[in-house]
Amino acid sequence: MGSKYPVLPPDKIIKVLIKFGFVRVSQRGSHVKYKKDGIPAKVVIIPMHYEVAKGTLQSILEQAGMTLEEFLNNL
């Protein structure tokens, strides 16, 4: 049984995060930090590689406090 998380390029993931209010904070090497103010504040690190793996996407969504359905509906 395959994973329901897609393999995507980082720019598609970033577009959805921006829709949810995340803003770019900094970059170190090939990893970019996005932050959303609130209580608690949420910080997400996006690897700027050719593709973001399924497990990495799952971790990003957990850090962002977002469900897979919310993410896919805004993709």
PDB file of N, CA and C in Angstrom:
ATOM      1  N   MET A   1       0.849  -1.183   0.000  1.00  0.00           N
ATOM      2  CA  MET A   1       0.000   0.000   0.000  1.00  0.00           C
ATOM      3  C   MET A   1       0.889   1.239   0.000  1.00  0.00           C
ATOM      4  N   GLY A   2       0.643   2.151  -0.941  1.00  0.00           N
ATOM      5  CA  GLY A   2       1.462   3.336  -1.095  1.00  0.00           C
ATOM      6  C   GLY A   2       1.060   4.455  -0.151  1.00  0.00           C
ATOM      7  N   SER A   3       1.932   5.416  -0.043  1.00  0.00           N
ATOM      8  CA  SER A   3       1.662   6.577   0.800  1.00  0.00           C
ATOM      9  C   SER A   3       0.721   7.530   0.085  1.00  0.00           C
ATOM     10  N   LYS A   4      -0.113   8.204   0.840  1.00  0.00           N
ATOM     11  CA  LYS A   4      -1.041   9.168   0.250  1.00  0.00           C
ATOM     12  C   LYS A   4      -0.402  10.535   0.069  1.00  0.00           C
ATOM     13  N   TYR A   5       0.821  10.709   0.586  1.00  0.00           N
ATOM     14  CA  TYR A   5       1.532  11.971   0.448  1.00  0.00           C
ATOM     15  C   TYR A   5       2.241  12.009  -0.902  1.00  0.00           C
ATOM     16  N   PRO A   6       2.049  13.074  -1.683  1.00  0.00           N
ATOM     17  CA  PRO A   6       2.704  13.156  -2.989  1.00  0.00           C
ATOM     18  C   PRO A   6       4.154  13.632  -2.876  1.00  0.00           C
ATOM     19  N   VAL A   7       4.928  13.340  -3.903  1.00  0.00           N
ATOM     20  CA  VAL A   7       6.286  13.874  -4.034  1.00  0.00           C
ATOM     21  C   VAL A   7       6.152  15.136  -4.878  1.00  0.00           C
ATOM     22  N   LEU A   8       6.553  16.284  -4.323  1.00  0.00           N
ATOM     23  CA  LEU A   8       6.341  17.570  -4.986  1.00  0.00           C
ATOM     24  C   LEU A   8       7.609  18.405  -4.999  1.00  0.00           C
ATOM     25  N   PRO A   9       7.716  19.336  -5.953  1.00  0.00           N
ATOM     26  CA  PRO A   9       8.813  20.305  -5.892  1.00  0.00           C
ATOM     27  C   PRO A   9       8.537  21.305  -4.771  1.00  0.00           C
ATOM     28  N   PRO A  10       9.572  21.894  -4.189  1.00  0.00           N
ATOM     29  CA  PRO A  10       9.378  22.784  -3.038  1.00  0.00           C
ATOM     30  C   PRO A  10       8.554  24.030  -3.342  1.00  0.00           C
ATOM     31  N   ASP A  11       8.587  24.539  -4.585  1.00  0.00           N
ATOM     32  CA  ASP A  11       7.834  25.763  -4.874  1.00  0.00           C
ATOM     33  C   ASP A  11       6.330  25.572  -4.737  1.00  0.00           C
ATOM     34  N   LYS A  12       5.818  24.378  -5.021  1.00  0.00           N
ATOM     35  CA  LYS A  12       4.381  24.114  -4.847  1.00  0.00           C
ATOM     36  C   LYS A  12       4.011  24.085  -3.364  1.00  0.00           C
ATOM     37  N   ILE A  13       4.882  23.520  -2.546  1.00  0.00           N
ATOM     38  CA  ILE A  13       4.637  23.468  -1.103  1.00  0.00           C
ATOM     39  C   ILE A  13       4.653  24.882  -0.530  1.00  0.00           C
ATOM     40  N   ILE A  14       5.603  25.683  -0.976  1.00  0.00           N
ATOM     41  CA  ILE A  14       5.738  27.053  -0.477  1.00  0.00           C
ATOM     42  C   ILE A  14       4.514  27.891  -0.832  1.00  0.00           C
ATOM     43  N   LYS A  15       3.969  27.726  -2.029  1.00  0.00           N
ATOM     44  CA  LYS A  15       2.772  28.480  -2.434  1.00  0.00           C
ATOM     45  C   LYS A  15       1.606  28.212  -1.490  1.00  0.00           C
ATOM     46  N   VAL A  16       1.438  26.963  -1.076  1.00  0.00           N
ATOM     47  CA  VAL A  16       0.355  26.630  -0.148  1.00  0.00           C
ATOM     48  C   VAL A  16       0.637  27.230   1.232  1.00  0.00           C
ATOM     49  N   LEU A  17       1.876  27.147   1.689  1.00  0.00           N
ATOM     50  CA  LEU A  17       2.222  27.722   2.991  1.00  0.00           C
ATOM     51  C   LEU A  17       1.959  29.224   3.010  1.00  0.00           C
ATOM     52  N   ILE A  18       2.269  29.909   1.921  1.00  0.00           N
ATOM     53  CA  ILE A  18       2.024  31.349   1.839  1.00  0.00           C
ATOM     54  C   ILE A  18       0.535  31.642   1.911  1.00  0.00           C
ATOM     55  N   LYS A  19      -0.296  30.806   1.285  1.00  0.00           N
ATOM     56  CA  LYS A  19      -1.752  30.967   1.373  1.00  0.00           C
ATOM     57  C   LYS A  19      -2.235  30.887   2.819  1.00  0.00           C
ATOM     58  N   PHE A  20      -1.533  30.081   3.634  1.00  0.00           N
ATOM     59  CA  PHE A  20      -1.910  29.902   5.028  1.00  0.00           C
ATOM     60  C   PHE A  20      -1.237  30.907   5.956  1.00  0.00           C
ATOM     61  N   GLY A  21      -0.547  31.907   5.395  1.00  0.00           N
ATOM     62  CA  GLY A  21       0.002  32.988   6.204  1.00  0.00           C
ATOM     63  C   GLY A  21       1.456  32.851   6.603  1.00  0.00           C
ATOM     64  N   PHE A  22       2.179  31.897   6.049  1.00  0.00           N
ATOM     65  CA  PHE A  22       3.599  31.753   6.366  1.00  0.00           C
ATOM     66  C   PHE A  22       4.408  32.756   5.551  1.00  0.00           C
ATOM     67  N   VAL A  23       5.465  33.289   6.160  1.00  0.00           N
ATOM     68  CA  VAL A  23       6.358  34.227   5.481  1.00  0.00           C
ATOM     69  C   VAL A  23       7.794  33.716   5.595  1.00  0.00           C
ATOM     70  N   ARG A  24       8.572  34.021   4.575  1.00  0.00           N
ATOM     71  CA  ARG A  24       9.975  33.599   4.555  1.00  0.00           C
ATOM     72  C   ARG A  24      10.767  34.405   5.587  1.00  0.00           C
ATOM     73  N   VAL A  25      11.551  33.695   6.383  1.00  0.00           N
ATOM     74  CA  VAL A  25      12.325  34.335   7.441  1.00  0.00           C
ATOM     75  C   VAL A  25      13.809  34.357   7.095  1.00  0.00           C
ATOM     76  N   SER A  26      14.350  33.204   6.702  1.00  0.00           N
ATOM     77  CA  SER A  26      15.776  33.126   6.421  1.00  0.00           C
ATOM     78  C   SER A  26      16.087  31.903   5.580  1.00  0.00           C
ATOM     79  N   GLN A  27      17.337  31.831   5.141  1.00  0.00           N
ATOM     80  CA  GLN A  27      17.801  30.680   4.390  1.00  0.00           C
ATOM     81  C   GLN A  27      19.218  30.360   4.811  1.00  0.00           C
ATOM     82  N   ARG A  28      19.508  29.073   4.929  1.00  0.00           N
ATOM     83  CA  ARG A  28      20.863  28.628   5.223  1.00  0.00           C
ATOM     84  C   ARG A  28      21.154  27.452   4.302  1.00  0.00           C
ATOM     85  N   GLY A  29      22.021  27.671   3.355  1.00  0.00           N
ATOM     86  CA  GLY A  29      22.306  26.630   2.373  1.00  0.00           C
ATOM     87  C   GLY A  29      21.084  26.388   1.510  1.00  0.00           C
ATOM     88  N   SER A  30      20.675  25.135   1.411  1.00  0.00           N
ATOM     89  CA  SER A  30      19.531  24.796   0.566  1.00  0.00           C
ATOM     90  C   SER A  30      18.238  24.644   1.365  1.00  0.00           C
ATOM     91  N   HIS A  31      18.202  25.153   2.589  1.00  0.00           N
ATOM     92  CA  HIS A  31      17.011  25.052   3.424  1.00  0.00           C
ATOM     93  C   HIS A  31      16.482  26.445   3.759  1.00  0.00           C
ATOM     94  N   VAL A  32      15.182  26.630   3.553  1.00  0.00           N
ATOM     95  CA  VAL A  32      14.550  27.927   3.780  1.00  0.00           C
ATOM     96  C   VAL A  32      13.585  27.807   4.959  1.00  0.00           C
ATOM     97  N   LYS A  33      13.597  28.818   5.823  1.00  0.00           N
ATOM     98  CA  LYS A  33      12.745  28.832   7.010  1.00  0.00           C
ATOM     99  C   LYS A  33      11.542  29.734   6.758  1.00  0.00           C
ATOM    100  N   TYR A  34      10.345  29.195   7.009  1.00  0.00           N
ATOM    101  CA  TYR A  34       9.098  29.964   6.926  1.00  0.00           C
ATOM    102  C   TYR A  34       8.457  29.976   8.302  1.00  0.00           C
ATOM    103  N   LYS A  35       7.823  31.100   8.636  1.00  0.00           N
ATOM    104  CA  LYS A  35       7.244  31.263   9.969  1.00  0.00           C
ATOM    105  C   LYS A  35       5.848  31.844   9.862  1.00  0.00           C
ATOM    106  N   LYS A  36       4.997  31.420  10.768  1.00  0.00           N
ATOM    107  CA  LYS A  36       3.640  31.969  10.890  1.00  0.00           C
ATOM    108  C   LYS A  36       3.462  32.395  12.337  1.00  0.00           C
ATOM    109  N   ASP A  37       3.162  33.676  12.528  1.00  0.00           N
ATOM    110  CA  ASP A  37       2.950  34.173  13.883  1.00  0.00           C
ATOM    111  C   ASP A  37       1.620  33.671  14.414  1.00  0.00           C
ATOM    112  N   GLY A  38       1.562  33.518  15.681  1.00  0.00           N
ATOM    113  CA  GLY A  38       0.354  33.047  16.343  1.00  0.00           C
ATOM    114  C   GLY A  38       0.745  32.456  17.674  1.00  0.00           C
ATOM    115  N   ILE A  39      -0.227  31.860  18.312  1.00  0.00           N
ATOM    116  CA  ILE A  39       0.034  31.221  19.599  1.00  0.00           C
ATOM    117  C   ILE A  39      -0.313  29.759  19.460  1.00  0.00           C
ATOM    118  N   PRO A  40       0.629  28.871  19.398  1.00  0.00           N
ATOM    119  CA  PRO A  40       2.068  29.123  19.350  1.00  0.00           C
ATOM    120  C   PRO A  40       2.504  29.472  17.925  1.00  0.00           C
ATOM    121  N   ALA A  41       3.623  30.154  17.800  1.00  0.00           N
ATOM    122  CA  ALA A  41       4.186  30.471  16.482  1.00  0.00           C
ATOM    123  C   ALA A  41       4.649  29.167  15.834  1.00  0.00           C
ATOM    124  N   LYS A  42       4.494  29.075  14.527  1.00  0.00           N
ATOM    125  CA  LYS A  42       4.882  27.861  13.815  1.00  0.00           C
ATOM    126  C   LYS A  42       6.055  28.173  12.890  1.00  0.00           C
ATOM    127  N   VAL A  43       7.045  27.289  12.895  1.00  0.00           N
ATOM    128  CA  VAL A  43       8.227  27.426  12.050  1.00  0.00           C
ATOM    129  C   VAL A  43       8.368  26.147  11.238  1.00  0.00           C
ATOM    130  N   VAL A  44       8.595  26.316   9.935  1.00  0.00           N
ATOM    131  CA  VAL A  44       8.736  25.185   9.028  1.00  0.00           C
ATOM    132  C   VAL A  44      10.006  25.374   8.213  1.00  0.00           C
ATOM    133  N   ILE A  45      10.775  24.307   8.058  1.00  0.00           N
ATOM    134  CA  ILE A  45      11.987  24.332   7.242  1.00  0.00           C
ATOM    135  C   ILE A  45      11.701  23.555   5.961  1.00  0.00           C
ATOM    136  N   ILE A  46      11.934  24.205   4.812  1.00  0.00           N
ATOM    137  CA  ILE A  46      11.685  23.580   3.522  1.00  0.00           C
ATOM    138  C   ILE A  46      13.022  23.330   2.822  1.00  0.00           C
ATOM    139  N   PRO A  47      13.314  22.070   2.463  1.00  0.00           N
ATOM    140  CA  PRO A  47      14.530  21.817   1.694  1.00  0.00           C
ATOM    141  C   PRO A  47      14.298  22.210   0.235  1.00  0.00           C
ATOM    142  N   MET A  48      15.182  23.017  -0.321  1.00  0.00           N
ATOM    143  CA  MET A  48      15.034  23.486  -1.699  1.00  0.00           C
ATOM    144  C   MET A  48      15.743  22.526  -2.659  1.00  0.00           C
ATOM    145  N   HIS A  49      15.334  21.270  -2.612  1.00  0.00           N
ATOM    146  CA  HIS A  49      15.887  20.246  -3.478  1.00  0.00           C
ATOM    147  C   HIS A  49      14.975  20.078  -4.680  1.00  0.00           C
ATOM    148  N   TYR A  50      15.342  19.225  -5.617  1.00  0.00           N
ATOM    149  CA  TYR A  50      14.543  19.010  -6.822  1.00  0.00           C
ATOM    150  C   TYR A  50      13.130  18.555  -6.465  1.00  0.00           C
ATOM    151  N   GLU A  51      13.025  17.618  -5.536  1.00  0.00           N
ATOM    152  CA  GLU A  51      11.738  17.124  -5.048  1.00  0.00           C
ATOM    153  C   GLU A  51      11.805  16.980  -3.535  1.00  0.00           C
ATOM    154  N   VAL A  52      10.640  17.118  -2.890  1.00  0.00           N
ATOM    155  CA  VAL A  52      10.533  16.906  -1.452  1.00  0.00           C
ATOM    156  C   VAL A  52       9.893  15.531  -1.252  1.00  0.00           C
ATOM    157  N   ALA A  53      10.560  14.668  -0.517  1.00  0.00           N
ATOM    158  CA  ALA A  53      10.101  13.295  -0.305  1.00  0.00           C
ATOM    159  C   ALA A  53       8.793  13.251   0.484  1.00  0.00           C
ATOM    160  N   LYS A  54       8.098  12.134   0.377  1.00  0.00           N
ATOM    161  CA  LYS A  54       6.798  11.958   1.038  1.00  0.00           C
ATOM    162  C   LYS A  54       6.893  12.133   2.548  1.00  0.00           C
ATOM    163  N   GLY A  55       7.881  11.506   3.165  1.00  0.00           N
ATOM    164  CA  GLY A  55       8.042  11.615   4.613  1.00  0.00           C
ATOM    165  C   GLY A  55       8.389  13.024   5.059  1.00  0.00           C
ATOM    166  N   THR A  56       9.173  13.714   4.234  1.00  0.00           N
ATOM    167  CA  THR A  56       9.531  15.097   4.541  1.00  0.00           C
ATOM    168  C   THR A  56       8.305  15.991   4.451  1.00  0.00           C
ATOM    169  N   LEU A  57       7.472  15.774   3.431  1.00  0.00           N
ATOM    170  CA  LEU A  57       6.233  16.543   3.300  1.00  0.00           C
ATOM    171  C   LEU A  57       5.322  16.295   4.499  1.00  0.00           C
ATOM    172  N   GLN A  58       5.234  15.056   4.930  1.00  0.00           N
ATOM    173  CA  GLN A  58       4.417  14.728   6.098  1.00  0.00           C
ATOM    174  C   GLN A  58       4.913  15.495   7.320  1.00  0.00           C
ATOM    175  N   SER A  59       6.216  15.553   7.514  1.00  0.00           N
ATOM    176  CA  SER A  59       6.795  16.274   8.643  1.00  0.00           C
ATOM    177  C   SER A  59       6.530  17.776   8.532  1.00  0.00           C
ATOM    178  N   ILE A  60       6.643  18.327   7.320  1.00  0.00           N
ATOM    179  CA  ILE A  60       6.386  19.755   7.106  1.00  0.00           C
ATOM    180  C   ILE A  60       4.948  20.088   7.475  1.00  0.00           C
ATOM    181  N   LEU A  61       4.005  19.264   7.054  1.00  0.00           N
ATOM    182  CA  LEU A  61       2.595  19.526   7.342  1.00  0.00           C
ATOM    183  C   LEU A  61       2.302  19.421   8.838  1.00  0.00           C
ATOM    184  N   GLU A  62       2.952  18.489   9.513  1.00  0.00           N
ATOM    185  CA  GLU A  62       2.780  18.372  10.964  1.00  0.00           C
ATOM    186  C   GLU A  62       3.309  19.621  11.660  1.00  0.00           C
ATOM    187  N   GLN A  63       4.466  20.102  11.247  1.00  0.00           N
ATOM    188  CA  GLN A  63       5.044  21.309  11.838  1.00  0.00           C
ATOM    189  C   GLN A  63       4.171  22.529  11.575  1.00  0.00           C
ATOM    190  N   ALA A  64       3.530  22.554  10.401  1.00  0.00           N
ATOM    191  CA  ALA A  64       2.685  23.686  10.024  1.00  0.00           C
ATOM    192  C   ALA A  64       1.300  23.597  10.663  1.00  0.00           C
ATOM    193  N   GLY A  65       0.971  22.470  11.269  1.00  0.00           N
ATOM    194  CA  GLY A  65      -0.346  22.300  11.875  1.00  0.00           C
ATOM    195  C   GLY A  65      -1.445  22.184  10.826  1.00  0.00           C
ATOM    196  N   MET A  66      -1.126  21.563   9.720  1.00  0.00           N
ATOM    197  CA  MET A  66      -2.022  21.481   8.577  1.00  0.00           C
ATOM    198  C   MET A  66      -2.297  20.010   8.262  1.00  0.00           C
ATOM    199  N   THR A  67      -3.530  19.699   7.869  1.00  0.00           N
ATOM    200  CA  THR A  67      -3.853  18.344   7.476  1.00  0.00           C
ATOM    201  C   THR A  67      -3.508  18.147   6.007  1.00  0.00           C
ATOM    202  N   LEU A  68      -3.379  16.883   5.610  1.00  0.00           N
ATOM    203  CA  LEU A  68      -3.088  16.574   4.211  1.00  0.00           C
ATOM    204  C   LEU A  68      -4.235  17.052   3.322  1.00  0.00           C
ATOM    205  N   GLU A  69      -5.464  16.923   3.789  1.00  0.00           N
ATOM    206  CA  GLU A  69      -6.623  17.336   3.007  1.00  0.00           C
ATOM    207  C   GLU A  69      -6.611  18.847   2.784  1.00  0.00           C
ATOM    208  N   GLU A  70      -6.315  19.622   3.827  1.00  0.00           N
ATOM    209  CA  GLU A  70      -6.214  21.092   3.680  1.00  0.00           C
ATOM    210  C   GLU A  70      -5.138  21.449   2.664  1.00  0.00           C
ATOM    211  N   PHE A  71      -4.012  20.762   2.767  1.00  0.00           N
ATOM    212  CA  PHE A  71      -2.911  21.034   1.859  1.00  0.00           C
ATOM    213  C   PHE A  71      -3.296  20.721   0.417  1.00  0.00           C
ATOM    214  N   LEU A  72      -3.837  19.541   0.180  1.00  0.00           N
ATOM    215  CA  LEU A  72      -4.180  19.131  -1.192  1.00  0.00           C
ATOM    216  C   LEU A  72      -5.285  19.997  -1.781  1.00  0.00           C
ATOM    217  N   ASN A  73      -6.230  20.455  -0.961  1.00  0.00           N
ATOM    218  CA  ASN A  73      -7.303  21.311  -1.456  1.00  0.00           C
ATOM    219  C   ASN A  73      -6.798  22.688  -1.880  1.00  0.00           C
ATOM    220  N   ASN A  74      -5.662  23.114  -1.358  1.00  0.00           N
ATOM    221  CA  ASN A  74      -5.096  24.424  -1.681  1.00  0.00           C
ATOM    222  C   ASN A  74      -3.911  24.339  -2.637  1.00  0.00           C
ATOM    223  N   LEU A  75      -3.632  23.140  -3.110  1.00  0.00           N
ATOM    224  CA  LEU A  75      -2.496  22.918  -3.998  1.00  0.00           C
ATOM    225  C   LEU A  75      -2.729  23.525  -5.362  1.00  0.00           C
TER     226      LEU A  75
END
